[in-house]
Structure formats: structure tokens, C-alpha cells
PDB file of N, CA and C in Angstrom:
ATOM      1  N   MET A   1       7.719 -61.122  13.042  1.00  0.00           N
ATOM      2  CA  MET A   1       8.587 -61.833  13.962  1.00  0.00           C
ATOM      3  C   MET A   1       7.768 -62.173  15.220  1.00  0.00           C
ATOM      4  N   PRO A   2       7.898 -63.388  15.729  1.00  0.00           N
ATOM      5  CA  PRO A   2       7.101 -63.814  16.883  1.00  0.00           C
ATOM      6  C   PRO A   2       7.508 -63.126  18.189  1.00  0.00           C
ATOM      7  N   THR A   3       6.538 -63.030  19.070  1.00  0.00           N
ATOM      8  CA  THR A   3       6.767 -62.503  20.416  1.00  0.00           C
ATOM      9  C   THR A   3       6.758 -63.672  21.383  1.00  0.00           C
ATOM     10  N   PHE A   4       7.721 -63.691  22.303  1.00  0.00           N
ATOM     11  CA  PHE A   4       7.852 -64.754  23.290  1.00  0.00           C
ATOM     12  C   PHE A   4       7.685 -64.188  24.692  1.00  0.00           C
ATOM     13  N   VAL A   5       7.048 -64.966  25.553  1.00  0.00           N
ATOM     14  CA  VAL A   5       6.992 -64.683  26.985  1.00  0.00           C
ATOM     15  C   VAL A   5       7.825 -65.769  27.640  1.00  0.00           C
ATOM     16  N   SER A   6       8.786 -65.363  28.472  1.00  0.00           N
ATOM     17  CA  SER A   6       9.724 -66.320  29.049  1.00  0.00           C
ATOM     18  C   SER A   6       9.817 -66.159  30.555  1.00  0.00           C
ATOM     19  N   MET A   7       9.982 -67.290  31.225  1.00  0.00           N
ATOM     20  CA  MET A   7      10.310 -67.301  32.648  1.00  0.00           C
ATOM     21  C   MET A   7      11.821 -67.446  32.724  1.00  0.00           C
ATOM     22  N   LEU A   8      12.457 -66.545  33.465  1.00  0.00           N
ATOM     23  CA  LEU A   8      13.911 -66.565  33.597  1.00  0.00           C
ATOM     24  C   LEU A   8      14.291 -66.678  35.064  1.00  0.00           C
ATOM     25  N   ASN A   9      15.417 -67.336  35.311  1.00  0.00           N
ATOM     26  CA  ASN A   9      15.950 -67.417  36.667  1.00  0.00           C
ATOM     27  C   ASN A   9      17.475 -67.395  36.556  1.00  0.00           C
ATOM     28  N   TRP A  10      18.055 -66.266  36.989  1.00  0.00           N
ATOM     29  CA  TRP A  10      19.513 -66.122  36.954  1.00  0.00           C
ATOM     30  C   TRP A  10      20.115 -66.726  38.204  1.00  0.00           C
ATOM     31  N   SER A  11      21.274 -67.364  38.055  1.00  0.00           N
ATOM     32  CA  SER A  11      21.978 -67.935  39.201  1.00  0.00           C
ATOM     33  C   SER A  11      23.479 -67.767  38.998  1.00  0.00           C
ATOM     34  N   GLY A  12      24.215 -67.953  40.062  1.00  0.00           N
ATOM     35  CA  GLY A  12      25.664 -67.830  39.991  1.00  0.00           C
ATOM     36  C   GLY A  12      26.239 -67.659  41.376  1.00  0.00           C
ATOM     37  N   ASP A  13      27.528 -67.422  41.424  1.00  0.00           N
ATOM     38  CA  ASP A  13      28.202 -67.215  42.694  1.00  0.00           C
ATOM     39  C   ASP A  13      29.026 -65.939  42.580  1.00  0.00           C
ATOM     40  N   PRO A  14      28.597 -64.877  43.181  1.00  0.00           N
ATOM     41  CA  PRO A  14      27.448 -64.747  44.078  1.00  0.00           C
ATOM     42  C   PRO A  14      26.121 -64.747  43.305  1.00  0.00           C
ATOM     43  N   GLN A  15      25.049 -65.055  44.039  1.00  0.00           N
ATOM     44  CA  GLN A  15      23.712 -65.084  43.453  1.00  0.00           C
ATOM     45  C   GLN A  15      23.335 -63.688  42.946  1.00  0.00           C
ATOM     46  N   PRO A  16      23.024 -63.576  41.642  1.00  0.00           N
ATOM     47  CA  PRO A  16      22.594 -62.270  41.128  1.00  0.00           C
ATOM     48  C   PRO A  16      21.294 -61.824  41.802  1.00  0.00           C
ATOM     49  N   GLN A  17      21.158 -60.546  41.935  1.00  0.00           N
ATOM     50  CA  GLN A  17      19.956 -59.949  42.505  1.00  0.00           C
ATOM     51  C   GLN A  17      19.219 -59.188  41.399  1.00  0.00           C
ATOM     52  N   PRO A  18      17.928 -58.951  41.574  1.00  0.00           N
ATOM     53  CA  PRO A  18      17.194 -58.172  40.562  1.00  0.00           C
ATOM     54  C   PRO A  18      17.869 -56.840  40.238  1.00  0.00           C
ATOM     55  N   ALA A  19      18.467 -56.186  41.238  1.00  0.00           N
ATOM     56  CA  ALA A  19      19.144 -54.907  40.984  1.00  0.00           C
ATOM     57  C   ALA A  19      20.320 -55.093  40.013  1.00  0.00           C
ATOM     58  N   ASP A  20      21.016 -56.232  40.089  1.00  0.00           N
ATOM     59  CA  ASP A  20      22.125 -56.510  39.166  1.00  0.00           C
ATOM     60  C   ASP A  20      21.621 -56.609  37.726  1.00  0.00           C
ATOM     61  N   VAL A  21      20.515 -57.312  37.554  1.00  0.00           N
ATOM     62  CA  VAL A  21      19.942 -57.471  36.213  1.00  0.00           C
ATOM     63  C   VAL A  21      19.420 -56.124  35.718  1.00  0.00           C
ATOM     64  N   HIS A  22      18.750 -55.407  36.581  1.00  0.00           N
ATOM     65  CA  HIS A  22      18.227 -54.088  36.212  1.00  0.00           C
ATOM     66  C   HIS A  22      19.358 -53.168  35.751  1.00  0.00           C
ATOM     67  N   ASP A  23      20.445 -53.125  36.505  1.00  0.00           N
ATOM     68  CA  ASP A  23      21.589 -52.288  36.143  1.00  0.00           C
ATOM     69  C   ASP A  23      22.203 -52.721  34.810  1.00  0.00           C
ATOM     70  N   ALA A  24      22.284 -54.039  34.583  1.00  0.00           N
ATOM     71  CA  ALA A  24      22.849 -54.558  33.333  1.00  0.00           C
ATOM     72  C   ALA A  24      21.969 -54.177  32.140  1.00  0.00           C
ATOM     73  N   ILE A  25      20.656 -54.222  32.336  1.00  0.00           N
ATOM     74  CA  ILE A  25      19.736 -53.827  31.260  1.00  0.00           C
ATOM     75  C   ILE A  25      19.869 -52.333  30.986  1.00  0.00           C
ATOM     76  N   GLU A  26      19.919 -51.545  32.036  1.00  0.00           N
ATOM     77  CA  GLU A  26      20.056 -50.092  31.868  1.00  0.00           C
ATOM     78  C   GLU A  26      21.350 -49.738  31.141  1.00  0.00           C
ATOM     79  N   ALA A  27      22.420 -50.440  31.440  1.00  0.00           N
ATOM     80  CA  ALA A  27      23.719 -50.140  30.837  1.00  0.00           C
ATOM     81  C   ALA A  27      23.746 -50.415  29.334  1.00  0.00           C
ATOM     82  N   ARG A  28      22.909 -51.359  28.869  1.00  0.00           N
ATOM     83  CA  ARG A  28      22.912 -51.738  27.453  1.00  0.00           C
ATOM     84  C   ARG A  28      21.502 -51.735  26.887  1.00  0.00           C
ATOM     85  N   ALA A  29      20.680 -50.795  27.351  1.00  0.00           N
ATOM     86  CA  ALA A  29      19.257 -50.768  26.988  1.00  0.00           C
ATOM     87  C   ALA A  29      19.036 -50.735  25.478  1.00  0.00           C
ATOM     88  N   LEU A  30      19.722 -49.873  24.766  1.00  0.00           N
ATOM     89  CA  LEU A  30      19.519 -49.751  23.325  1.00  0.00           C
ATOM     90  C   LEU A  30      19.906 -51.036  22.599  1.00  0.00           C
ATOM     91  N   GLU A  31      21.035 -51.603  22.947  1.00  0.00           N
ATOM     92  CA  GLU A  31      21.506 -52.850  22.321  1.00  0.00           C
ATOM     93  C   GLU A  31      20.519 -53.992  22.562  1.00  0.00           C
ATOM     94  N   LEU A  32      20.044 -54.118  23.802  1.00  0.00           N
ATOM     95  CA  LEU A  32      19.112 -55.200  24.134  1.00  0.00           C
ATOM     96  C   LEU A  32      17.756 -54.983  23.461  1.00  0.00           C
ATOM     97  N   ARG A  33      17.313 -53.731  23.398  1.00  0.00           N
ATOM     98  CA  ARG A  33      16.040 -53.428  22.732  1.00  0.00           C
ATOM     99  C   ARG A  33      16.134 -53.764  21.244  1.00  0.00           C
ATOM    100  N   GLU A  34      17.262 -53.444  20.612  1.00  0.00           N
ATOM    101  CA  GLU A  34      17.453 -53.776  19.198  1.00  0.00           C
ATOM    102  C   GLU A  34      17.502 -55.284  18.975  1.00  0.00           C
ATOM    103  N   ALA A  35      17.923 -56.034  19.996  1.00  0.00           N
ATOM    104  CA  ALA A  35      17.961 -57.499  19.907  1.00  0.00           C
ATOM    105  C   ALA A  35      16.576 -58.110  20.153  1.00  0.00           C
ATOM    106  N   GLY A  36      15.589 -57.277  20.548  1.00  0.00           N
ATOM    107  CA  GLY A  36      14.224 -57.785  20.693  1.00  0.00           C
ATOM    108  C   GLY A  36      13.617 -57.662  22.077  1.00  0.00           C
ATOM    109  N   LEU A  37      14.367 -57.184  23.052  1.00  0.00           N
ATOM    110  CA  LEU A  37      13.848 -57.091  24.424  1.00  0.00           C
ATOM    111  C   LEU A  37      12.757 -56.025  24.513  1.00  0.00           C
ATOM    112  N   HIS A  38      11.612 -56.426  25.049  1.00  0.00           N
ATOM    113  CA  HIS A  38      10.521 -55.478  25.300  1.00  0.00           C
ATOM    114  C   HIS A  38      10.481 -55.087  26.771  1.00  0.00           C
ATOM    115  N   SER A  39      10.446 -56.105  27.645  1.00  0.00           N
ATOM    116  CA  SER A  39      10.339 -55.804  29.072  1.00  0.00           C
ATOM    117  C   SER A  39      10.781 -56.996  29.911  1.00  0.00           C
ATOM    118  N   VAL A  40      11.170 -56.670  31.149  1.00  0.00           N
ATOM    119  CA  VAL A  40      11.528 -57.668  32.149  1.00  0.00           C
ATOM    120  C   VAL A  40      10.851 -57.235  33.448  1.00  0.00           C
ATOM    121  N   VAL A  41      10.086 -58.142  34.039  1.00  0.00           N
ATOM    122  CA  VAL A  41       9.405 -57.869  35.302  1.00  0.00           C
ATOM    123  C   VAL A  41       9.843 -58.938  36.294  1.00  0.00           C
ATOM    124  N   PHE A  42      10.353 -58.505  37.436  1.00  0.00           N
ATOM    125  CA  PHE A  42      10.862 -59.438  38.435  1.00  0.00           C
ATOM    126  C   PHE A  42       9.743 -60.008  39.283  1.00  0.00           C
ATOM    127  N   LEU A  43       9.922 -61.264  39.676  1.00  0.00           N
ATOM    128  CA  LEU A  43       8.965 -61.945  40.533  1.00  0.00           C
ATOM    129  C   LEU A  43       9.429 -61.847  41.982  1.00  0.00           C
ATOM    130  N   PRO A  44       8.505 -61.730  42.907  1.00  0.00           N
ATOM    131  CA  PRO A  44       8.898 -61.655  44.321  1.00  0.00           C
ATOM    132  C   PRO A  44       9.262 -63.043  44.842  1.00  0.00           C
ATOM    133  N   ASP A  45      10.462 -63.481  44.510  1.00  0.00           N
ATOM    134  CA  ASP A  45      10.928 -64.822  44.878  1.00  0.00           C
ATOM    135  C   ASP A  45      12.154 -64.662  45.773  1.00  0.00           C
ATOM    136  N   GLU A  46      11.959 -64.777  47.071  1.00  0.00           N
ATOM    137  CA  GLU A  46      13.016 -64.565  48.064  1.00  0.00           C
ATOM    138  C   GLU A  46      14.239 -65.431  47.773  1.00  0.00           C
ATOM    139  N   GLY A  47      15.409 -64.815  47.686  1.00  0.00           N
ATOM    140  CA  GLY A  47      16.655 -65.552  47.493  1.00  0.00           C
ATOM    141  C   GLY A  47      16.943 -65.965  46.067  1.00  0.00           C
ATOM    142  N   ALA A  48      16.049 -65.623  45.139  1.00  0.00           N
ATOM    143  CA  ALA A  48      16.259 -65.984  43.731  1.00  0.00           C
ATOM    144  C   ALA A  48      16.203 -64.724  42.888  1.00  0.00           C
ATOM    145  N   CYS A  49      16.545 -64.860  41.660  1.00  0.00           N
ATOM    146  CA  CYS A  49      16.489 -63.746  40.720  1.00  0.00           C
ATOM    147  C   CYS A  49      15.629 -64.203  39.542  1.00  0.00           C
ATOM    148  N   ALA A  50      14.327 -64.227  39.751  1.00  0.00           N
ATOM    149  CA  ALA A  50      13.388 -64.744  38.764  1.00  0.00           C
ATOM    150  C   ALA A  50      12.614 -63.593  38.135  1.00  0.00           C
ATOM    151  N   ALA A  51      12.317 -63.730  36.843  1.00  0.00           N
ATOM    152  CA  ALA A  51      11.621 -62.668  36.129  1.00  0.00           C
ATOM    153  C   ALA A  51      10.826 -63.243  34.964  1.00  0.00           C
ATOM    154  N   ILE A  52       9.937 -62.420  34.460  1.00  0.00           N
ATOM    155  CA  ILE A  52       9.221 -62.701  33.223  1.00  0.00           C
ATOM    156  C   ILE A  52       9.733 -61.712  32.189  1.00  0.00           C
ATOM    157  N   MET A  53      10.098 -62.223  31.024  1.00  0.00           N
ATOM    158  CA  MET A  53      10.630 -61.377  29.959  1.00  0.00           C
ATOM    159  C   MET A  53       9.729 -61.486  28.731  1.00  0.00           C
ATOM    160  N   VAL A  54       9.471 -60.361  28.093  1.00  0.00           N
ATOM    161  CA  VAL A  54       8.763 -60.331  26.819  1.00  0.00           C
ATOM    162  C   VAL A  54       9.766 -59.857  25.774  1.00  0.00           C
ATOM    163  N   ALA A  55       9.895 -60.635  24.699  1.00  0.00           N
ATOM    164  CA  ALA A  55      10.872 -60.307  23.658  1.00  0.00           C
ATOM    165  C   ALA A  55      10.348 -60.742  22.299  1.00  0.00           C
ATOM    166  N   THR A  56      10.801 -60.057  21.276  1.00  0.00           N
ATOM    167  CA  THR A  56      10.482 -60.407  19.898  1.00  0.00           C
ATOM    168  C   THR A  56      11.750 -60.957  19.260  1.00  0.00           C
ATOM    169  N   CYS A  57      11.717 -62.237  18.912  1.00  0.00           N
ATOM    170  CA  CYS A  57      12.871 -62.925  18.323  1.00  0.00           C
ATOM    171  C   CYS A  57      12.368 -63.925  17.290  1.00  0.00           C
ATOM    172  N   ASP A  58      13.274 -64.420  16.460  1.00  0.00           N
ATOM    173  CA  ASP A  58      12.891 -65.404  15.448  1.00  0.00           C
ATOM    174  C   ASP A  58      12.533 -66.752  16.065  1.00  0.00           C
ATOM    175  N   THR A  59      13.336 -67.214  17.047  1.00  0.00           N
ATOM    176  CA  THR A  59      13.126 -68.544  17.634  1.00  0.00           C
ATOM    177  C   THR A  59      13.336 -68.482  19.141  1.00  0.00           C
ATOM    178  N   ASP A  60      12.959 -69.555  19.824  1.00  0.00           N
ATOM    179  CA  ASP A  60      13.214 -69.610  21.268  1.00  0.00           C
ATOM    180  C   ASP A  60      14.707 -69.706  21.563  1.00  0.00           C
ATOM    181  N   THR A  61      15.491 -70.200  20.623  1.00  0.00           N
ATOM    182  CA  THR A  61      16.949 -70.208  20.783  1.00  0.00           C
ATOM    183  C   THR A  61      17.484 -68.779  20.834  1.00  0.00           C
ATOM    184  N   ASP A  62      16.933 -67.922  19.981  1.00  0.00           N
ATOM    185  CA  ASP A  62      17.330 -66.513  20.003  1.00  0.00           C
ATOM    186  C   ASP A  62      16.906 -65.846  21.312  1.00  0.00           C
ATOM    187  N   VAL A  63      15.777 -66.243  21.839  1.00  0.00           N
ATOM    188  CA  VAL A  63      15.331 -65.716  23.137  1.00  0.00           C
ATOM    189  C   VAL A  63      16.332 -66.123  24.218  1.00  0.00           C
ATOM    190  N   GLY A  64      16.803 -67.361  24.172  1.00  0.00           N
ATOM    191  CA  GLY A  64      17.804 -67.827  25.132  1.00  0.00           C
ATOM    192  C   GLY A  64      19.105 -67.040  25.041  1.00  0.00           C
ATOM    193  N   ARG A  65      19.513 -66.746  23.813  1.00  0.00           N
ATOM    194  CA  ARG A  65      20.727 -65.934  23.628  1.00  0.00           C
ATOM    195  C   ARG A  65      20.541 -64.528  24.203  1.00  0.00           C
ATOM    196  N   LEU A  66      19.366 -63.964  23.985  1.00  0.00           N
ATOM    197  CA  LEU A  66      19.071 -62.636  24.512  1.00  0.00           C
ATOM    198  C   LEU A  66      19.085 -62.649  26.037  1.00  0.00           C
ATOM    199  N   ALA A  67      18.446 -63.649  26.640  1.00  0.00           N
ATOM    200  CA  ALA A  67      18.421 -63.755  28.106  1.00  0.00           C
ATOM    201  C   ALA A  67      19.832 -63.899  28.661  1.00  0.00           C
ATOM    202  N   ALA A  68      20.654 -64.697  28.012  1.00  0.00           N
ATOM    203  CA  ALA A  68      22.036 -64.891  28.470  1.00  0.00           C
ATOM    204  C   ALA A  68      22.863 -63.617  28.312  1.00  0.00           C
ATOM    205  N   ALA A  69      22.550 -62.811  27.299  1.00  0.00           N
ATOM    206  CA  ALA A  69      23.297 -61.583  27.050  1.00  0.00           C
ATOM    207  C   ALA A  69      22.989 -60.486  28.066  1.00  0.00           C
ATOM    208  N   ILE A  70      21.882 -60.600  28.756  1.00  0.00           N
ATOM    209  CA  ILE A  70      21.514 -59.566  29.724  1.00  0.00           C
ATOM    210  C   ILE A  70      22.529 -59.506  30.858  1.00  0.00           C
ATOM    211  N   LEU A  71      22.863 -60.647  31.408  1.00  0.00           N
ATOM    212  CA  LEU A  71      23.810 -60.713  32.527  1.00  0.00           C
ATOM    213  C   LEU A  71      24.835 -61.798  32.192  1.00  0.00           C
ATOM    214  N   PRO A  72      25.825 -61.480  31.349  1.00  0.00           N
ATOM    215  CA  PRO A  72      26.737 -62.496  30.808  1.00  0.00           C
ATOM    216  C   PRO A  72      27.511 -63.310  31.838  1.00  0.00           C
ATOM    217  N   GLY A  73      27.796 -62.780  33.002  1.00  0.00           N
ATOM    218  CA  GLY A  73      28.575 -63.516  33.986  1.00  0.00           C
ATOM    219  C   GLY A  73      27.778 -64.509  34.804  1.00  0.00           C
ATOM    220  N   SER A  74      26.487 -64.636  34.543  1.00  0.00           N
ATOM    221  CA  SER A  74      25.625 -65.529  35.323  1.00  0.00           C
ATOM    222  C   SER A  74      24.944 -66.539  34.417  1.00  0.00           C
ATOM    223  N   ALA A  75      24.578 -67.655  35.013  1.00  0.00           N
ATOM    224  CA  ALA A  75      23.790 -68.655  34.286  1.00  0.00           C
ATOM    225  C   ALA A  75      22.333 -68.232  34.340  1.00  0.00           C
ATOM    226  N   VAL A  76      21.584 -68.537  33.294  1.00  0.00           N
ATOM    227  CA  VAL A  76      20.155 -68.225  33.283  1.00  0.00           C
ATOM    228  C   VAL A  76      19.389 -69.448  32.791  1.00  0.00           C
ATOM    229  N   ASP A  77      18.401 -69.868  33.574  1.00  0.00           N
ATOM    230  CA  ASP A  77      17.475 -70.925  33.152  1.00  0.00           C
ATOM    231  C   ASP A  77      16.289 -70.229  32.504  1.00  0.00           C
ATOM    232  N   MET A  78      15.803 -70.774  31.405  1.00  0.00           N
ATOM    233  CA  MET A  78      14.733 -70.122  30.672  1.00  0.00           C
ATOM    234  C   MET A  78      13.711 -71.119  30.171  1.00  0.00           C
ATOM    235  N   GLU A  79      12.448 -70.742  30.275  1.00  0.00           N
ATOM    236  CA  GLU A  79      11.358 -71.465  29.627  1.00  0.00           C
ATOM    237  C   GLU A  79      10.604 -70.434  28.814  1.00  0.00           C
ATOM    238  N   ALA A  80      10.569 -70.610  27.501  1.00  0.00           N
ATOM    239  CA  ALA A  80       9.934 -69.630  26.620  1.00  0.00           C
ATOM    240  C   ALA A  80       8.721 -70.229  25.932  1.00  0.00           C
ATOM    241  N   MET A  81       7.751 -69.364  25.667  1.00  0.00           N
ATOM    242  CA  MET A  81       6.527 -69.773  24.983  1.00  0.00           C
ATOM    243  C   MET A  81       6.134 -68.652  24.029  1.00  0.00           C
ATOM    244  N   ARG A  82       5.731 -69.030  22.836  1.00  0.00           N
ATOM    245  CA  ARG A  82       5.271 -68.005  21.892  1.00  0.00           C
ATOM    246  C   ARG A  82       3.974 -67.405  22.396  1.00  0.00           C
ATOM    247  N   PHE A  83       3.930 -66.088  22.419  1.00  0.00           N
ATOM    248  CA  PHE A  83       2.765 -65.367  22.904  1.00  0.00           C
ATOM    249  C   PHE A  83       1.689 -65.282  21.837  1.00  0.00           C
ATOM    250  N   ASP A  84       2.085 -65.230  20.588  1.00  0.00           N
ATOM    251  CA  ASP A  84       1.143 -64.970  19.504  1.00  0.00           C
ATOM    252  C   ASP A  84       0.791 -66.211  18.687  1.00  0.00           C
ATOM    253  N   GLU A  85       0.861 -67.383  19.317  1.00  0.00           N
ATOM    254  CA  GLU A  85       0.437 -68.595  18.618  1.00  0.00           C
ATOM    255  C   GLU A  85      -1.071 -68.567  18.454  1.00  0.00           C
ATOM    256  N   PRO A  86      -1.588 -69.268  17.465  1.00  0.00           N
ATOM    257  CA  PRO A  86      -3.045 -69.316  17.304  1.00  0.00           C
ATOM    258  C   PRO A  86      -3.693 -69.862  18.573  1.00  0.00           C
ATOM    259  N   ALA A  87      -4.857 -69.339  18.872  1.00  0.00           N
ATOM    260  CA  ALA A  87      -5.563 -69.756  20.086  1.00  0.00           C
ATOM    261  C   ALA A  87      -5.928 -71.236  20.010  1.00  0.00           C
ATOM    262  N   THR A  88      -5.803 -71.910  21.126  1.00  0.00           N
ATOM    263  CA  THR A  88      -6.193 -73.305  21.242  1.00  0.00           C
ATOM    264  C   THR A  88      -7.475 -73.353  22.056  1.00  0.00           C
ATOM    265  N   PRO A  89      -8.505 -74.025  21.564  1.00  0.00           N
ATOM    266  CA  PRO A  89      -9.760 -74.034  22.322  1.00  0.00           C
ATOM    267  C   PRO A  89      -9.585 -74.711  23.679  1.00  0.00           C
ATOM    268  N   VAL A  90     -10.257 -74.189  24.671  1.00  0.00           N
ATOM    269  CA  VAL A  90     -10.181 -74.747  26.010  1.00  0.00           C
ATOM    270  C   VAL A  90     -10.924 -76.082  26.061  1.00  0.00           C
ATOM    271  N   TRP A  91     -12.000 -76.195  25.335  1.00  0.00           N
ATOM    272  CA  TRP A  91     -12.728 -77.449  25.253  1.00  0.00           C
ATOM    273  C   TRP A  91     -13.163 -77.664  23.809  1.00  0.00           C
ATOM    274  N   ARG A  92     -13.482 -78.893  23.505  1.00  0.00           N
ATOM    275  CA  ARG A  92     -13.886 -79.221  22.143  1.00  0.00           C
ATOM    276  C   ARG A  92     -15.400 -79.103  22.006  1.00  0.00           C
ATOM    277  N   GLY A  93     -15.818 -78.726  20.826  1.00  0.00           N
ATOM    278  CA  GLY A  93     -17.246 -78.691  20.534  1.00  0.00           C
ATOM    279  C   GLY A  93     -17.771 -80.091  20.325  1.00  0.00           C
ATOM    280  N   ARG A  94     -19.082 -80.247  20.311  1.00  0.00           N
ATOM    281  CA  ARG A  94     -19.705 -81.561  20.163  1.00  0.00           C
ATOM    282  C   ARG A  94     -19.261 -82.252  18.881  1.00  0.00           C
ATOM    283  N   GLU A  95     -19.135 -81.472  17.799  1.00  0.00           N
ATOM    284  CA  GLU A  95     -18.760 -82.095  16.521  1.00  0.00           C
ATOM    285  C   GLU A  95     -17.329 -82.630  16.533  1.00  0.00           C
ATOM    286  N   GLU A  96     -16.491 -82.179  17.481  1.00  0.00           N
ATOM    287  CA  GLU A  96     -15.111 -82.645  17.563  1.00  0.00           C
ATOM    288  C   GLU A  96     -14.943 -83.770  18.581  1.00  0.00           C
ATOM    289  N   ALA A  97     -15.970 -84.021  19.372  1.00  0.00           N
ATOM    290  CA  ALA A  97     -15.882 -85.031  20.426  1.00  0.00           C
ATOM    291  C   ALA A  97     -15.886 -86.426  19.811  1.00  0.00           C
ATOM    292  N   PRO A  98     -15.248 -87.389  20.468  1.00  0.00           N
ATOM    293  CA  PRO A  98     -15.288 -88.758  19.941  1.00  0.00           C
ATOM    294  C   PRO A  98     -16.709 -89.294  20.011  1.00  0.00           C
ATOM    295  N   PRO A  99     -17.026 -90.268  19.166  1.00  0.00           N
ATOM    296  CA  PRO A  99     -18.387 -90.811  19.178  1.00  0.00           C
ATOM    297  C   PRO A  99     -18.686 -91.482  20.525  1.00  0.00           C
ATOM    298  N   PRO A 100     -19.934 -91.444  20.958  1.00  0.00           N
ATOM    299  CA  PRO A 100     -20.272 -92.064  22.247  1.00  0.00           C
ATOM    300  C   PRO A 100     -20.051 -93.575  22.195  1.00  0.00           C
ATOM    301  N   ALA A 101     -19.742 -94.136  23.341  1.00  0.00           N
ATOM    302  CA  ALA A 101     -19.529 -95.593  23.425  1.00  0.00           C
ATOM    303  C   ALA A 101     -20.855 -96.303  23.173  1.00  0.00           C
ATOM    304  N   ARG A 102     -20.754 -97.533  22.685  1.00  0.00           N
ATOM    305  CA  ARG A 102     -21.989 -98.276  22.403  1.00  0.00           C
ATOM    306  C   ARG A 102     -22.707 -98.583  23.711  1.00  0.00           C
ATOM    307  N   PRO A 103     -24.017 -98.622  23.677  1.00  0.00           N
ATOM    308  CA  PRO A 103     -24.783 -98.901  24.905  1.00  0.00           C
ATOM    309  C   PRO A 103     -24.401-100.253  25.501  1.00  0.00           C
ATOM    310  N   GLY A 104     -24.289-100.296  26.807  1.00  0.00           N
ATOM    311  CA  GLY A 104     -24.027-101.545  27.505  1.00  0.00           C
ATOM    312  C   GLY A 104     -22.575-101.971  27.552  1.00  0.00           C
ATOM    313  N   TYR A 105     -21.659-101.160  27.060  1.00  0.00           N
ATOM    314  CA  TYR A 105     -20.265-101.602  27.015  1.00  0.00           C
ATOM    315  C   TYR A 105     -19.698-101.793  28.417  1.00  0.00           C
ATOM    316  N   LEU A 106     -20.102-100.993  29.393  1.00  0.00           N
ATOM    317  CA  LEU A 106     -19.588-101.170  30.752  1.00  0.00           C
ATOM    318  C   LEU A 106     -20.108-102.453  31.387  1.00  0.00           C
ATOM    319  N   SER A 107     -21.350-102.826  31.082  1.00  0.00           N
ATOM    320  CA  SER A 107     -21.864-104.070  31.659  1.00  0.00           C
ATOM    321  C   SER A 107     -21.101-105.274  31.100  1.00  0.00           C
ATOM    322  N   ALA A 108     -20.655-105.202  29.866  1.00  0.00           N
ATOM    323  CA  ALA A 108     -19.871-106.301  29.290  1.00  0.00           C
ATOM    324  C   ALA A 108     -18.535-106.418  30.005  1.00  0.00           C
ATOM    325  N   VAL A 109     -17.912-105.289  30.378  1.00  0.00           N
ATOM    326  CA  VAL A 109     -16.658-105.313  31.125  1.00  0.00           C
ATOM    327  C   VAL A 109     -16.901-105.919  32.500  1.00  0.00           C
ATOM    328  N   PHE A 110     -17.959-105.499  33.166  1.00  0.00           N
ATOM    329  CA  PHE A 110     -18.293-106.008  34.493  1.00  0.00           C
ATOM    330  C   PHE A 110     -18.512-107.516  34.446  1.00  0.00           C
ATOM    331  N   GLU A 111     -19.261-107.988  33.461  1.00  0.00           N
ATOM    332  CA  GLU A 111     -19.542-109.422  33.352  1.00  0.00           C
ATOM    333  C   GLU A 111     -18.254-110.207  33.094  1.00  0.00           C
ATOM    334  N   ALA A 112     -17.348-109.654  32.321  1.00  0.00           N
ATOM    335  CA  ALA A 112     -16.077-110.340  32.051  1.00  0.00           C
ATOM    336  C   ALA A 112     -15.226-110.437  33.323  1.00  0.00           C
ATOM    337  N   VAL A 113     -15.253-109.374  34.160  1.00  0.00           N
ATOM    338  CA  VAL A 113     -14.482-109.390  35.407  1.00  0.00           C
ATOM    339  C   VAL A 113     -15.082-110.412  36.370  1.00  0.00           C
ATOM    340  N   VAL A 114     -16.410-110.462  36.470  1.00  0.00           N
ATOM    341  CA  VAL A 114     -17.077-111.401  37.371  1.00  0.00           C
ATOM    342  C   VAL A 114     -16.832-112.842  36.920  1.00  0.00           C
ATOM    343  N   ALA A 115     -16.846-113.064  35.617  1.00  0.00           N
ATOM    344  CA  ALA A 115     -16.639-114.414  35.093  1.00  0.00           C
ATOM    345  C   ALA A 115     -15.205-114.879  35.344  1.00  0.00           C
ATOM    346  N   GLY A 116     -14.296-113.878  35.483  1.00  0.00           N
ATOM    347  CA  GLY A 116     -12.911-114.088  35.843  1.00  0.00           C
ATOM    348  C   GLY A 116     -12.184-115.014  34.998  1.00  0.00           C
TER     349      GLY A 116
END
């Protein structure tokens, strides 16, 4: 089952605080852990209730359901990303690079612009 890392931001009226989310997790820790919750770490975001969550779920939709279940009376915005996706190279090797442009191609563009 895939592992997801998610950015969460709870909102509502009144604005939920990290302590509210912490208490809600503590109250249902076993249930949430069985649903895939690994950890929630709060971000120091003044006036907001933002956190990073690590969870194991089948899909990002399931991650959204889990995030919403943590604090049911509040709205939660979520952006999830699979943590265990295959690595993507930061840059391409020479063999993957496009072929070099033909010599003199920029001078042909310049001459066309000058000829107008």
C-alpha cells in the first residue's frame, strides 16, 4: 500500500487550533492508525492550523477521507503526494538530451529578422 505525504490546513468557525487537532487524534488514535495515519506534524503558521501528515492509504482520495475524519467539524484543504514513487532524475543524461541544433541556425533566424 502506498505512503502519502500531505500538506493539510484545517479551517472553520471558530478557527481550529493545533491543540484541537491533537486532542481529536488522541481521542481516536487507534481508529485513525488503523485507517493508515502514521504521523501529523504541525507547521508554525500563525493564525492557521497547518500540518504535514504521513499516511498509508490506497489512493489520495482515501488520504483526503482520513484527513477529514481527524477533525470532522472542520473543513480541511489537502495536497497529497506519494512518498514512495519511483525516483525521477533531477537532470537528464547526455544520451537522453535532445540532439544539438544544426550549426548556424541562430544566424539564419537573425538574417530573417533583419530582412524583415
